[in-house]
Amino acid sequence: MFMNGADLASLICAGAFVVLVIAIVIVLSKLAKLVDVASATIRETGDSLVPLLDELTEATASTNKQLEKIDVITDSVVETTTNLSSLISTLTDTIGGPLLRVGEIIRGVSGLLGKKK
């Protein structure tokens, strides 16, 4: 049995096709392993993400409660500052005016006593 050129070419093509199929099977096998690993990683991440989100929700709720308390404290500080400013203004008006007058009287008396000497 002798092979002519066409028979040899078809035999080479068949061999190349077998090599191509084997290469595709190897690549698909590795790709399947990669997909399995990725699926497991995603599953583990999802499982650990739920408790983390629960903790984050609790932390946010706690932070909001603390911020509400701080808002009350801030409002009280603003009110206290306003009241203190009003008190200082009232004291300045009530005591400051008469003290200035007393000071002027003392200065006038000192001036008169100083002139007599």
PDB file of N, CA and C in Angstrom:
ATOM      1  N   MET A   1       0.839  -1.157   0.000  1.00  0.00           N
ATOM      2  CA  MET A   1       0.000   0.000   0.000  1.00  0.00           C
ATOM      3  C   MET A   1       0.891   1.229   0.000  1.00  0.00           C
ATOM      4  N   PHE A   2       0.605   2.041  -0.976  1.00  0.00           N
ATOM      5  CA  PHE A   2       1.353   3.270  -1.160  1.00  0.00           C
ATOM      6  C   PHE A   2       0.446   4.457  -0.901  1.00  0.00           C
ATOM      7  N   MET A   3       1.037   5.505  -0.284  1.00  0.00           N
ATOM      8  CA  MET A   3       0.254   6.723  -0.039  1.00  0.00           C
ATOM      9  C   MET A   3       0.648   7.758  -1.057  1.00  0.00           C
ATOM     10  N   ASN A   4      -0.360   8.373  -1.582  1.00  0.00           N
ATOM     11  CA  ASN A   4      -0.075   9.494  -2.471  1.00  0.00           C
ATOM     12  C   ASN A   4      -0.107  10.776  -1.649  1.00  0.00           C
ATOM     13  N   GLY A   5       0.055  11.927  -2.261  1.00  0.00           N
ATOM     14  CA  GLY A   5       0.123  13.222  -1.583  1.00  0.00           C
ATOM     15  C   GLY A   5      -1.162  13.569  -0.853  1.00  0.00           C
ATOM     16  N   ALA A   6      -2.304  13.230  -1.443  1.00  0.00           N
ATOM     17  CA  ALA A   6      -3.589  13.563  -0.830  1.00  0.00           C
ATOM     18  C   ALA A   6      -3.794  12.756   0.442  1.00  0.00           C
ATOM     19  N   ASP A   7      -3.412  11.470   0.382  1.00  0.00           N
ATOM     20  CA  ASP A   7      -3.558  10.636   1.570  1.00  0.00           C
ATOM     21  C   ASP A   7      -2.658  11.142   2.705  1.00  0.00           C
ATOM     22  N   LEU A   8      -1.443  11.524   2.355  1.00  0.00           N
ATOM     23  CA  LEU A   8      -0.510  12.041   3.355  1.00  0.00           C
ATOM     24  C   LEU A   8      -1.018  13.361   3.951  1.00  0.00           C
ATOM     25  N   ALA A   9      -1.570  14.225   3.124  1.00  0.00           N
ATOM     26  CA  ALA A   9      -2.104  15.509   3.603  1.00  0.00           C
ATOM     27  C   ALA A   9      -3.290  15.289   4.520  1.00  0.00           C
ATOM     28  N   SER A  10      -4.178  14.353   4.162  1.00  0.00           N
ATOM     29  CA  SER A  10      -5.336  14.091   5.015  1.00  0.00           C
ATOM     30  C   SER A  10      -4.901  13.466   6.333  1.00  0.00           C
ATOM     31  N   LEU A  11      -3.864  12.634   6.321  1.00  0.00           N
ATOM     32  CA  LEU A  11      -3.347  12.047   7.549  1.00  0.00           C
ATOM     33  C   LEU A  11      -2.740  13.129   8.450  1.00  0.00           C
ATOM     34  N   ILE A  12      -2.011  14.074   7.878  1.00  0.00           N
ATOM     35  CA  ILE A  12      -1.433  15.186   8.643  1.00  0.00           C
ATOM     36  C   ILE A  12      -2.548  16.060   9.217  1.00  0.00           C
ATOM     37  N   CYS A  13      -3.568  16.323   8.418  1.00  0.00           N
ATOM     38  CA  CYS A  13      -4.708  17.133   8.906  1.00  0.00           C
ATOM     39  C   CYS A  13      -5.419  16.428  10.047  1.00  0.00           C
ATOM     40  N   ALA A  14      -5.608  15.118   9.944  1.00  0.00           N
ATOM     41  CA  ALA A  14      -6.272  14.366  11.007  1.00  0.00           C
ATOM     42  C   ALA A  14      -5.434  14.410  12.279  1.00  0.00           C
ATOM     43  N   GLY A  15      -4.120  14.266  12.158  1.00  0.00           N
ATOM     44  CA  GLY A  15      -3.240  14.341  13.325  1.00  0.00           C
ATOM     45  C   GLY A  15      -3.267  15.723  13.959  1.00  0.00           C
ATOM     46  N   ALA A  16      -3.255  16.760  13.122  1.00  0.00           N
ATOM     47  CA  ALA A  16      -3.320  18.128  13.637  1.00  0.00           C
ATOM     48  C   ALA A  16      -4.646  18.371  14.336  1.00  0.00           C
ATOM     49  N   PHE A  17      -5.729  17.811  13.802  1.00  0.00           N
ATOM     50  CA  PHE A  17      -7.041  17.966  14.416  1.00  0.00           C
ATOM     51  C   PHE A  17      -7.065  17.293  15.785  1.00  0.00           C
ATOM     52  N   VAL A  18      -6.458  16.083  15.887  1.00  0.00           N
ATOM     53  CA  VAL A  18      -6.401  15.379  17.171  1.00  0.00           C
ATOM     54  C   VAL A  18      -5.599  16.202  18.185  1.00  0.00           C
ATOM     55  N   VAL A  19      -4.462  16.766  17.763  1.00  0.00           N
ATOM     56  CA  VAL A  19      -3.653  17.603  18.654  1.00  0.00           C
ATOM     57  C   VAL A  19      -4.453  18.833  19.083  1.00  0.00           C
ATOM     58  N   LEU A  20      -5.182  19.446  18.160  1.00  0.00           N
ATOM     59  CA  LEU A  20      -6.006  20.616  18.472  1.00  0.00           C
ATOM     60  C   LEU A  20      -7.092  20.265  19.477  1.00  0.00           C
ATOM     61  N   VAL A  21      -7.748  19.127  19.292  1.00  0.00           N
ATOM     62  CA  VAL A  21      -8.798  18.707  20.222  1.00  0.00           C
ATOM     63  C   VAL A  21      -8.204  18.451  21.604  1.00  0.00           C
ATOM     64  N   ILE A  22      -7.050  17.810  21.669  1.00  0.00           N
ATOM     65  CA  ILE A  22      -6.404  17.557  22.964  1.00  0.00           C
ATOM     66  C   ILE A  22      -6.045  18.882  23.647  1.00  0.00           C
ATOM     67  N   ALA A  23      -5.523  19.845  22.892  1.00  0.00           N
ATOM     68  CA  ALA A  23      -5.177  21.154  23.459  1.00  0.00           C
ATOM     69  C   ALA A  23      -6.423  21.862  23.977  1.00  0.00           C
ATOM     70  N   ILE A  24      -7.514  21.788  23.223  1.00  0.00           N
ATOM     71  CA  ILE A  24      -8.766  22.432  23.656  1.00  0.00           C
ATOM     72  C   ILE A  24      -9.285  21.766  24.924  1.00  0.00           C
ATOM     73  N   VAL A  25      -9.202  20.443  25.018  1.00  0.00           N
ATOM     74  CA  VAL A  25      -9.656  19.731  26.214  1.00  0.00           C
ATOM     75  C   VAL A  25      -8.826  20.158  27.423  1.00  0.00           C
ATOM     76  N   ILE A  26      -7.523  20.289  27.255  1.00  0.00           N
ATOM     77  CA  ILE A  26      -6.654  20.708  28.365  1.00  0.00           C
ATOM     78  C   ILE A  26      -7.012  22.127  28.814  1.00  0.00           C
ATOM     79  N   VAL A  27      -7.191  23.029  27.847  1.00  0.00           N
ATOM     80  CA  VAL A  27      -7.533  24.417  28.183  1.00  0.00           C
ATOM     81  C   VAL A  27      -8.888  24.483  28.873  1.00  0.00           C
ATOM     82  N   LEU A  28      -9.875  23.744  28.356  1.00  0.00           N
ATOM     83  CA  LEU A  28     -11.206  23.757  28.977  1.00  0.00           C
ATOM     84  C   LEU A  28     -11.174  23.140  30.376  1.00  0.00           C
ATOM     85  N   SER A  29     -10.335  22.132  30.577  1.00  0.00           N
ATOM     86  CA  SER A  29     -10.206  21.521  31.899  1.00  0.00           C
ATOM     87  C   SER A  29      -9.646  22.535  32.903  1.00  0.00           C
ATOM     88  N   LYS A  30      -8.607  23.249  32.493  1.00  0.00           N
ATOM     89  CA  LYS A  30      -8.028  24.269  33.375  1.00  0.00           C
ATOM     90  C   LYS A  30      -9.018  25.406  33.616  1.00  0.00           C
ATOM     91  N   LEU A  31      -9.771  25.768  32.591  1.00  0.00           N
ATOM     92  CA  LEU A  31     -10.778  26.818  32.733  1.00  0.00           C
ATOM     93  C   LEU A  31     -11.878  26.389  33.701  1.00  0.00           C
ATOM     94  N   ALA A  32     -12.271  25.114  33.653  1.00  0.00           N
ATOM     95  CA  ALA A  32     -13.287  24.601  34.577  1.00  0.00           C
ATOM     96  C   ALA A  32     -12.781  24.666  36.013  1.00  0.00           C
ATOM     97  N   LYS A  33     -11.496  24.316  36.234  1.00  0.00           N
ATOM     98  CA  LYS A  33     -10.922  24.409  37.579  1.00  0.00           C
ATOM     99  C   LYS A  33     -10.908  25.863  38.056  1.00  0.00           C
ATOM    100  N   LEU A  34     -10.571  26.770  37.151  1.00  0.00           N
ATOM    101  CA  LEU A  34     -10.543  28.194  37.495  1.00  0.00           C
ATOM    102  C   LEU A  34     -11.932  28.694  37.879  1.00  0.00           C
ATOM    103  N   VAL A  35     -12.945  28.257  37.131  1.00  0.00           N
ATOM    104  CA  VAL A  35     -14.323  28.659  37.440  1.00  0.00           C
ATOM    105  C   VAL A  35     -14.742  28.083  38.788  1.00  0.00           C
ATOM    106  N   ASP A  36     -14.351  26.845  39.092  1.00  0.00           N
ATOM    107  CA  ASP A  36     -14.680  26.250  40.391  1.00  0.00           C
ATOM    108  C   ASP A  36     -14.039  27.032  41.535  1.00  0.00           C
ATOM    109  N   VAL A  37     -12.768  27.385  41.372  1.00  0.00           N
ATOM    110  CA  VAL A  37     -12.074  28.153  42.411  1.00  0.00           C
ATOM    111  C   VAL A  37     -12.719  29.532  42.568  1.00  0.00           C
ATOM    112  N   ALA A  38     -13.053  30.166  41.454  1.00  0.00           N
ATOM    113  CA  ALA A  38     -13.696  31.486  41.523  1.00  0.00           C
ATOM    114  C   ALA A  38     -15.054  31.386  42.202  1.00  0.00           C
ATOM    115  N   SER A  39     -15.808  30.339  41.900  1.00  0.00           N
ATOM    116  CA  SER A  39     -17.119  30.154  42.538  1.00  0.00           C
ATOM    117  C   SER A  39     -16.970  29.956  44.039  1.00  0.00           C
ATOM    118  N   ALA A  40     -15.984  29.159  44.443  1.00  0.00           N
ATOM    119  CA  ALA A  40     -15.761  28.934  45.875  1.00  0.00           C
ATOM    120  C   ALA A  40     -15.354  30.232  46.564  1.00  0.00           C
ATOM    121  N   THR A  41     -14.508  31.008  45.916  1.00  0.00           N
ATOM    122  CA  THR A  41     -14.074  32.287  46.490  1.00  0.00           C
ATOM    123  C   THR A  41     -15.250  33.242  46.631  1.00  0.00           C
ATOM    124  N   ILE A  42     -16.078  33.301  45.622  1.00  0.00           N
ATOM    125  CA  ILE A  42     -17.261  34.180  45.677  1.00  0.00           C
ATOM    126  C   ILE A  42     -18.204  33.715  46.776  1.00  0.00           C
ATOM    127  N   ARG A  43     -18.391  32.409  46.908  1.00  0.00           N
ATOM    128  CA  ARG A  43     -19.266  31.875  47.946  1.00  0.00           C
ATOM    129  C   ARG A  43     -18.729  32.232  49.334  1.00  0.00           C
ATOM    130  N   GLU A  44     -17.411  32.044  49.549  1.00  0.00           N
ATOM    131  CA  GLU A  44     -16.801  32.373  50.844  1.00  0.00           C
ATOM    132  C   GLU A  44     -16.895  33.866  51.137  1.00  0.00           C
ATOM    133  N   THR A  45     -16.672  34.667  50.115  1.00  0.00           N
ATOM    134  CA  THR A  45     -16.765  36.119  50.294  1.00  0.00           C
ATOM    135  C   THR A  45     -18.187  36.519  50.663  1.00  0.00           C
ATOM    136  N   GLY A  46     -19.152  35.927  50.001  1.00  0.00           N
ATOM    137  CA  GLY A  46     -20.551  36.221  50.314  1.00  0.00           C
ATOM    138  C   GLY A  46     -20.907  35.809  51.726  1.00  0.00           C
ATOM    139  N   ASP A  47     -20.391  34.636  52.145  1.00  0.00           N
ATOM    140  CA  ASP A  47     -20.682  34.164  53.501  1.00  0.00           C
ATOM    141  C   ASP A  47     -20.075  35.069  54.564  1.00  0.00           C
ATOM    142  N   SER A  48     -18.886  35.585  54.314  1.00  0.00           N
ATOM    143  CA  SER A  48     -18.255  36.461  55.304  1.00  0.00           C
ATOM    144  C   SER A  48     -18.739  37.900  55.181  1.00  0.00           C
ATOM    145  N   LEU A  49     -19.340  38.233  54.064  1.00  0.00           N
ATOM    146  CA  LEU A  49     -19.804  39.602  53.854  1.00  0.00           C
ATOM    147  C   LEU A  49     -21.078  39.895  54.637  1.00  0.00           C
ATOM    148  N   VAL A  50     -21.937  38.901  54.806  1.00  0.00           N
ATOM    149  CA  VAL A  50     -23.204  39.115  55.516  1.00  0.00           C
ATOM    150  C   VAL A  50     -22.962  39.536  56.970  1.00  0.00           C
ATOM    151  N   PRO A  51     -22.127  38.829  57.746  1.00  0.00           N
ATOM    152  CA  PRO A  51     -21.876  39.300  59.116  1.00  0.00           C
ATOM    153  C   PRO A  51     -21.206  40.670  59.155  1.00  0.00           C
ATOM    154  N   LEU A  52     -20.334  40.911  58.191  1.00  0.00           N
ATOM    155  CA  LEU A  52     -19.665  42.212  58.138  1.00  0.00           C
ATOM    156  C   LEU A  52     -20.677  43.331  57.899  1.00  0.00           C
ATOM    157  N   LEU A  53     -21.623  43.095  57.016  1.00  0.00           N
ATOM    158  CA  LEU A  53     -22.665  44.101  56.766  1.00  0.00           C
ATOM    159  C   LEU A  53     -23.557  44.282  57.989  1.00  0.00           C
ATOM    160  N   ASP A  54     -23.827  43.188  58.709  1.00  0.00           N
ATOM    161  CA  ASP A  54     -24.612  43.309  59.943  1.00  0.00           C
ATOM    162  C   ASP A  54     -23.877  44.169  60.974  1.00  0.00           C
ATOM    163  N   GLU A  55     -22.573  43.929  61.127  1.00  0.00           N
ATOM    164  CA  GLU A  55     -21.781  44.739  62.059  1.00  0.00           C
ATOM    165  C   GLU A  55     -21.743  46.198  61.625  1.00  0.00           C
ATOM    166  N   LEU A  56     -21.628  46.419  60.329  1.00  0.00           N
ATOM    167  CA  LEU A  56     -21.601  47.788  59.815  1.00  0.00           C
ATOM    168  C   LEU A  56     -22.927  48.492  60.079  1.00  0.00           C
ATOM    169  N   THR A  57     -24.023  47.769  59.926  1.00  0.00           N
ATOM    170  CA  THR A  57     -25.342  48.344  60.200  1.00  0.00           C
ATOM    171  C   THR A  57     -25.469  48.711  61.676  1.00  0.00           C
ATOM    172  N   GLU A  58     -25.003  47.821  62.556  1.00  0.00           N
ATOM    173  CA  GLU A  58     -25.048  48.109  63.993  1.00  0.00           C
ATOM    174  C   GLU A  58     -24.171  49.308  64.342  1.00  0.00           C
ATOM    175  N   ALA A  59     -22.987  49.364  63.747  1.00  0.00           N
ATOM    176  CA  ALA A  59     -22.082  50.490  64.019  1.00  0.00           C
ATOM    177  C   ALA A  59     -22.689  51.801  63.544  1.00  0.00           C
ATOM    178  N   THR A  60     -23.340  51.773  62.397  1.00  0.00           N
ATOM    179  CA  THR A  60     -23.981  52.982  61.877  1.00  0.00           C
ATOM    180  C   THR A  60     -25.121  53.425  62.787  1.00  0.00           C
ATOM    181  N   ALA A  61     -25.911  52.468  63.255  1.00  0.00           N
ATOM    182  CA  ALA A  61     -27.011  52.811  64.165  1.00  0.00           C
ATOM    183  C   ALA A  61     -26.469  53.404  65.463  1.00  0.00           C
ATOM    184  N   SER A  62     -25.414  52.814  65.998  1.00  0.00           N
ATOM    185  CA  SER A  62     -24.805  53.330  67.228  1.00  0.00           C
ATOM    186  C   SER A  62     -24.237  54.728  67.010  1.00  0.00           C
ATOM    187  N   THR A  63     -23.599  54.926  65.872  1.00  0.00           N
ATOM    188  CA  THR A  63     -23.047  56.245  65.552  1.00  0.00           C
ATOM    189  C   THR A  63     -24.155  57.282  65.450  1.00  0.00           C
ATOM    190  N   ASN A  64     -25.264  56.909  64.836  1.00  0.00           N
ATOM    191  CA  ASN A  64     -26.385  57.846  64.720  1.00  0.00           C
ATOM    192  C   ASN A  64     -26.939  58.220  66.095  1.00  0.00           C
ATOM    193  N   LYS A  65     -27.009  57.238  67.014  1.00  0.00           N
ATOM    194  CA  LYS A  65     -27.481  57.542  68.372  1.00  0.00           C
ATOM    195  C   LYS A  65     -26.532  58.522  69.059  1.00  0.00           C
ATOM    196  N   GLN A  66     -25.226  58.285  68.910  1.00  0.00           N
ATOM    197  CA  GLN A  66     -24.243  59.182  69.522  1.00  0.00           C
ATOM    198  C   GLN A  66     -24.327  60.581  68.915  1.00  0.00           C
ATOM    199  N   LEU A  67     -24.540  60.651  67.603  1.00  0.00           N
ATOM    200  CA  LEU A  67     -24.663  61.962  66.958  1.00  0.00           C
ATOM    201  C   LEU A  67     -25.894  62.714  67.451  1.00  0.00           C
ATOM    202  N   GLU A  68     -26.976  61.987  67.721  1.00  0.00           N
ATOM    203  CA  GLU A  68     -28.164  62.640  68.279  1.00  0.00           C
ATOM    204  C   GLU A  68     -27.846  63.228  69.657  1.00  0.00           C
ATOM    205  N   LYS A  69     -27.085  62.477  70.469  1.00  0.00           N
ATOM    206  CA  LYS A  69     -26.695  62.994  71.787  1.00  0.00           C
ATOM    207  C   LYS A  69     -25.804  64.222  71.640  1.00  0.00           C
ATOM    208  N   ILE A  70     -24.885  64.167  70.684  1.00  0.00           N
ATOM    209  CA  ILE A  70     -23.989  65.306  70.458  1.00  0.00           C
ATOM    210  C   ILE A  70     -24.783  66.519  69.987  1.00  0.00           C
ATOM    211  N   ASP A  71     -25.821  66.294  69.175  1.00  0.00           N
ATOM    212  CA  ASP A  71     -26.664  67.410  68.743  1.00  0.00           C
ATOM    213  C   ASP A  71     -27.327  68.081  69.938  1.00  0.00           C
ATOM    214  N   VAL A  72     -27.812  67.281  70.884  1.00  0.00           N
ATOM    215  CA  VAL A  72     -28.444  67.841  72.086  1.00  0.00           C
ATOM    216  C   VAL A  72     -27.414  68.639  72.886  1.00  0.00           C
ATOM    217  N   ILE A  73     -26.216  68.074  73.035  1.00  0.00           N
ATOM    218  CA  ILE A  73     -25.156  68.771  73.782  1.00  0.00           C
ATOM    219  C   ILE A  73     -24.786  70.076  73.084  1.00  0.00           C
ATOM    220  N   THR A  74     -24.655  70.026  71.765  1.00  0.00           N
ATOM    221  CA  THR A  74     -24.303  71.232  71.007  1.00  0.00           C
ATOM    222  C   THR A  74     -25.376  72.301  71.158  1.00  0.00           C
ATOM    223  N   ASP A  75     -26.638  71.888  71.088  1.00  0.00           N
ATOM    224  CA  ASP A  75     -27.725  72.855  71.277  1.00  0.00           C
ATOM    225  C   ASP A  75     -27.663  73.472  72.671  1.00  0.00           C
ATOM    226  N   SER A  76     -27.361  72.650  73.678  1.00  0.00           N
ATOM    227  CA  SER A  76     -27.256  73.165  75.046  1.00  0.00           C
ATOM    228  C   SER A  76     -26.093  74.138  75.180  1.00  0.00           C
ATOM    229  N   VAL A  77     -24.971  73.839  74.541  1.00  0.00           N
ATOM    230  CA  VAL A  77     -23.816  74.740  74.597  1.00  0.00           C
ATOM    231  C   VAL A  77     -24.151  76.067  73.932  1.00  0.00           C
ATOM    232  N   VAL A  78     -24.839  76.013  72.801  1.00  0.00           N
ATOM    233  CA  VAL A  78     -25.228  77.253  72.117  1.00  0.00           C
ATOM    234  C   VAL A  78     -26.157  78.068  73.002  1.00  0.00           C
ATOM    235  N   GLU A  79     -27.124  77.410  73.630  1.00  0.00           N
ATOM    236  CA  GLU A  79     -28.062  78.119  74.507  1.00  0.00           C
ATOM    237  C   GLU A  79     -27.332  78.709  75.711  1.00  0.00           C
ATOM    238  N   THR A  80     -26.418  77.938  76.306  1.00  0.00           N
ATOM    239  CA  THR A  80     -25.654  78.426  77.458  1.00  0.00           C
ATOM    240  C   THR A  80     -24.785  79.614  77.072  1.00  0.00           C
ATOM    241  N   THR A  81     -24.145  79.531  75.914  1.00  0.00           N
ATOM    242  CA  THR A  81     -23.305  80.633  75.449  1.00  0.00           C
ATOM    243  C   THR A  81     -24.136  81.886  75.224  1.00  0.00           C
ATOM    244  N   THR A  82     -25.299  81.719  74.640  1.00  0.00           N
ATOM    245  CA  THR A  82     -26.184  82.865  74.418  1.00  0.00           C
ATOM    246  C   THR A  82     -26.614  83.475  75.750  1.00  0.00           C
ATOM    247  N   ASN A  83     -26.998  82.631  76.700  1.00  0.00           N
ATOM    248  CA  ASN A  83     -27.415  83.128  78.017  1.00  0.00           C
ATOM    249  C   ASN A  83     -26.264  83.818  78.737  1.00  0.00           C
ATOM    250  N   LEU A  84     -25.065  83.249  78.656  1.00  0.00           N
ATOM    251  CA  LEU A  84     -23.903  83.848  79.301  1.00  0.00           C
ATOM    252  C   LEU A  84     -23.564  85.196  78.674  1.00  0.00           C
ATOM    253  N   SER A  85     -23.653  85.272  77.374  1.00  0.00           N
ATOM    254  CA  SER A  85     -23.393  86.542  76.692  1.00  0.00           C
ATOM    255  C   SER A  85     -24.412  87.593  77.112  1.00  0.00           C
ATOM    256  N   SER A  86     -25.658  87.177  77.213  1.00  0.00           N
ATOM    257  CA  SER A  86     -26.702  88.103  77.657  1.00  0.00           C
ATOM    258  C   SER A  86     -26.456  88.543  79.097  1.00  0.00           C
ATOM    259  N   LEU A  87     -26.041  87.616  79.959  1.00  0.00           N
ATOM    260  CA  LEU A  87     -25.759  87.944  81.352  1.00  0.00           C
ATOM    261  C   LEU A  87     -24.594  88.920  81.456  1.00  0.00           C
ATOM    262  N   ILE A  88     -23.536  88.670  80.694  1.00  0.00           N
ATOM    263  CA  ILE A  88     -22.379  89.575  80.718  1.00  0.00           C
ATOM    264  C   ILE A  88     -22.778  90.958  80.228  1.00  0.00           C
ATOM    265  N   SER A  89     -23.591  91.017  79.203  1.00  0.00           N
ATOM    266  CA  SER A  89     -24.047  92.311  78.691  1.00  0.00           C
ATOM    267  C   SER A  89     -24.878  93.043  79.739  1.00  0.00           C
ATOM    268  N   THR A  90     -25.756  92.309  80.411  1.00  0.00           N
ATOM    269  CA  THR A  90     -26.588  92.918  81.454  1.00  0.00           C
ATOM    270  C   THR A  90     -25.728  93.403  82.619  1.00  0.00           C
ATOM    271  N   LEU A  91     -24.759  92.576  83.045  1.00  0.00           N
ATOM    272  CA  LEU A  91     -23.880  92.986  84.141  1.00  0.00           C
ATOM    273  C   LEU A  91     -23.042  94.200  83.755  1.00  0.00           C
ATOM    274  N   THR A  92     -22.563  94.215  82.524  1.00  0.00           N
ATOM    275  CA  THR A  92     -21.768  95.357  82.073  1.00  0.00           C
ATOM    276  C   THR A  92     -22.605  96.627  82.098  1.00  0.00           C
ATOM    277  N   ASP A  93     -23.838  96.517  81.621  1.00  0.00           N
ATOM    278  CA  ASP A  93     -24.710  97.696  81.620  1.00  0.00           C
ATOM    279  C   ASP A  93     -25.090  98.106  83.044  1.00  0.00           C
ATOM    280  N   THR A  94     -25.362  97.115  83.905  1.00  0.00           N
ATOM    281  CA  THR A  94     -25.824  97.405  85.259  1.00  0.00           C
ATOM    282  C   THR A  94     -24.706  97.935  86.150  1.00  0.00           C
ATOM    283  N   ILE A  95     -23.549  97.303  86.086  1.00  0.00           N
ATOM    284  CA  ILE A  95     -22.459  97.671  86.987  1.00  0.00           C
ATOM    285  C   ILE A  95     -21.493  98.652  86.336  1.00  0.00           C
ATOM    286  N   GLY A  96     -21.272  98.493  85.047  1.00  0.00           N
ATOM    287  CA  GLY A  96     -20.267  99.313  84.368  1.00  0.00           C
ATOM    288  C   GLY A  96     -20.576 100.793  84.385  1.00  0.00           C
ATOM    289  N   GLY A  97     -21.814 101.154  84.102  1.00  0.00           N
ATOM    290  CA  GLY A  97     -22.186 102.576  84.079  1.00  0.00           C
ATOM    291  C   GLY A  97     -21.965 103.249  85.420  1.00  0.00           C
ATOM    292  N   PRO A  98     -22.506 102.712  86.512  1.00  0.00           N
ATOM    293  CA  PRO A  98     -22.280 103.338  87.815  1.00  0.00           C
ATOM    294  C   PRO A  98     -20.810 103.349  88.224  1.00  0.00           C
ATOM    295  N   LEU A  99     -20.058 102.300  87.889  1.00  0.00           N
ATOM    296  CA  LEU A  99     -18.632 102.290  88.238  1.00  0.00           C
ATOM    297  C   LEU A  99     -17.886 103.392  87.504  1.00  0.00           C
ATOM    298  N   LEU A 100     -18.242 103.632  86.262  1.00  0.00           N
ATOM    299  CA  LEU A 100     -17.606 104.729  85.531  1.00  0.00           C
ATOM    300  C   LEU A 100     -17.920 106.066  86.195  1.00  0.00           C
ATOM    301  N   ARG A 101     -19.145 106.206  86.624  1.00  0.00           N
ATOM    302  CA  ARG A 101     -19.518 107.456  87.289  1.00  0.00           C
ATOM    303  C   ARG A 101     -18.756 107.612  88.608  1.00  0.00           C
ATOM    304  N   VAL A 102     -18.642 106.507  89.374  1.00  0.00           N
ATOM    305  CA  VAL A 102     -17.884 106.563  90.634  1.00  0.00           C
ATOM    306  C   VAL A 102     -16.439 106.914  90.339  1.00  0.00           C
ATOM    307  N   GLY A 103     -15.879 106.328  89.283  1.00  0.00           N
ATOM    308  CA  GLY A 103     -14.500 106.633  88.905  1.00  0.00           C
ATOM    309  C   GLY A 103     -14.331 108.090  88.545  1.00  0.00           C
ATOM    310  N   GLU A 104     -15.302 108.638  87.817  1.00  0.00           N
ATOM    311  CA  GLU A 104     -15.227 110.056  87.454  1.00  0.00           C
ATOM    312  C   GLU A 104     -15.324 110.937  88.697  1.00  0.00           C
ATOM    313  N   ILE A 105     -16.182 110.539  89.634  1.00  0.00           N
ATOM    314  CA  ILE A 105     -16.322 111.312  90.877  1.00  0.00           C
ATOM    315  C   ILE A 105     -15.017 111.267  91.666  1.00  0.00           C
ATOM    316  N   ILE A 106     -14.422 110.069  91.772  1.00  0.00           N
ATOM    317  CA  ILE A 106     -13.156 109.944  92.510  1.00  0.00           C
ATOM    318  C   ILE A 106     -12.072 110.763  91.831  1.00  0.00           C
ATOM    319  N   ARG A 107     -12.019 110.738  90.513  1.00  0.00           N
ATOM    320  CA  ARG A 107     -11.013 111.510  89.792  1.00  0.00           C
ATOM    321  C   ARG A 107     -11.245 113.015  90.022  1.00  0.00           C
ATOM    322  N   GLY A 108     -12.505 113.405  90.022  1.00  0.00           N
ATOM    323  CA  GLY A 108     -12.813 114.818  90.273  1.00  0.00           C
ATOM    324  C   GLY A 108     -12.425 115.243  91.676  1.00  0.00           C
ATOM    325  N   VAL A 109     -12.728 114.381  92.663  1.00  0.00           N
ATOM    326  CA  VAL A 109     -12.378 114.698  94.046  1.00  0.00           C
ATOM    327  C   VAL A 109     -10.862 114.726  94.191  1.00  0.00           C
ATOM    328  N   SER A 110     -10.170 113.773  93.549  1.00  0.00           N
ATOM    329  CA  SER A 110      -8.697 113.761  93.616  1.00  0.00           C
ATOM    330  C   SER A 110      -8.135 115.018  92.984  1.00  0.00           C
ATOM    331  N   GLY A 111      -8.738 115.452  91.912  1.00  0.00           N
ATOM    332  CA  GLY A 111      -8.274 116.676  91.262  1.00  0.00           C
ATOM    333  C   GLY A 111      -8.471 117.880  92.162  1.00  0.00           C
ATOM    334  N   LEU A 112      -9.604 117.932  92.858  1.00  0.00           N
ATOM    335  CA  LEU A 112      -9.857 119.045  93.761  1.00  0.00           C
ATOM    336  C   LEU A 112      -8.908 119.017  94.952  1.00  0.00           C
ATOM    337  N   LEU A 113      -8.690 117.832  95.504  1.00  0.00           N
ATOM    338  CA  LEU A 113      -7.781 117.728  96.643  1.00  0.00           C
ATOM    339  C   LEU A 113      -6.353 118.024  96.223  1.00  0.00           C
ATOM    340  N   GLY A 114      -6.000 117.642  95.014  1.00  0.00           N
ATOM    341  CA  GLY A 114      -4.653 117.901  94.526  1.00  0.00           C
ATOM    342  C   GLY A 114      -4.416 119.379  94.307  1.00  0.00           C
ATOM    343  N   LYS A 115      -5.421 120.123  93.929  1.00  0.00           N
ATOM    344  CA  LYS A 115      -5.274 121.554  93.689  1.00  0.00           C
ATOM    345  C   LYS A 115      -5.134 122.310  95.000  1.00  0.00           C
ATOM    346  N   LYS A 116      -5.728 121.810  96.088  1.00  0.00           N
ATOM    347  CA  LYS A 116      -5.667 122.504  97.365  1.00  0.00           C
ATOM    348  C   LYS A 116      -4.275 122.417  97.968  1.00  0.00           C
ATOM    349  N   LYS A 117      -3.510 121.455  97.651  1.00  0.00           N
ATOM    350  CA  LYS A 117      -2.185 121.312  98.252  1.00  0.00           C
ATOM    351  C   LYS A 117      -1.258 122.249  97.655  1.00  0.00           C
TER     352      LYS A 117
END
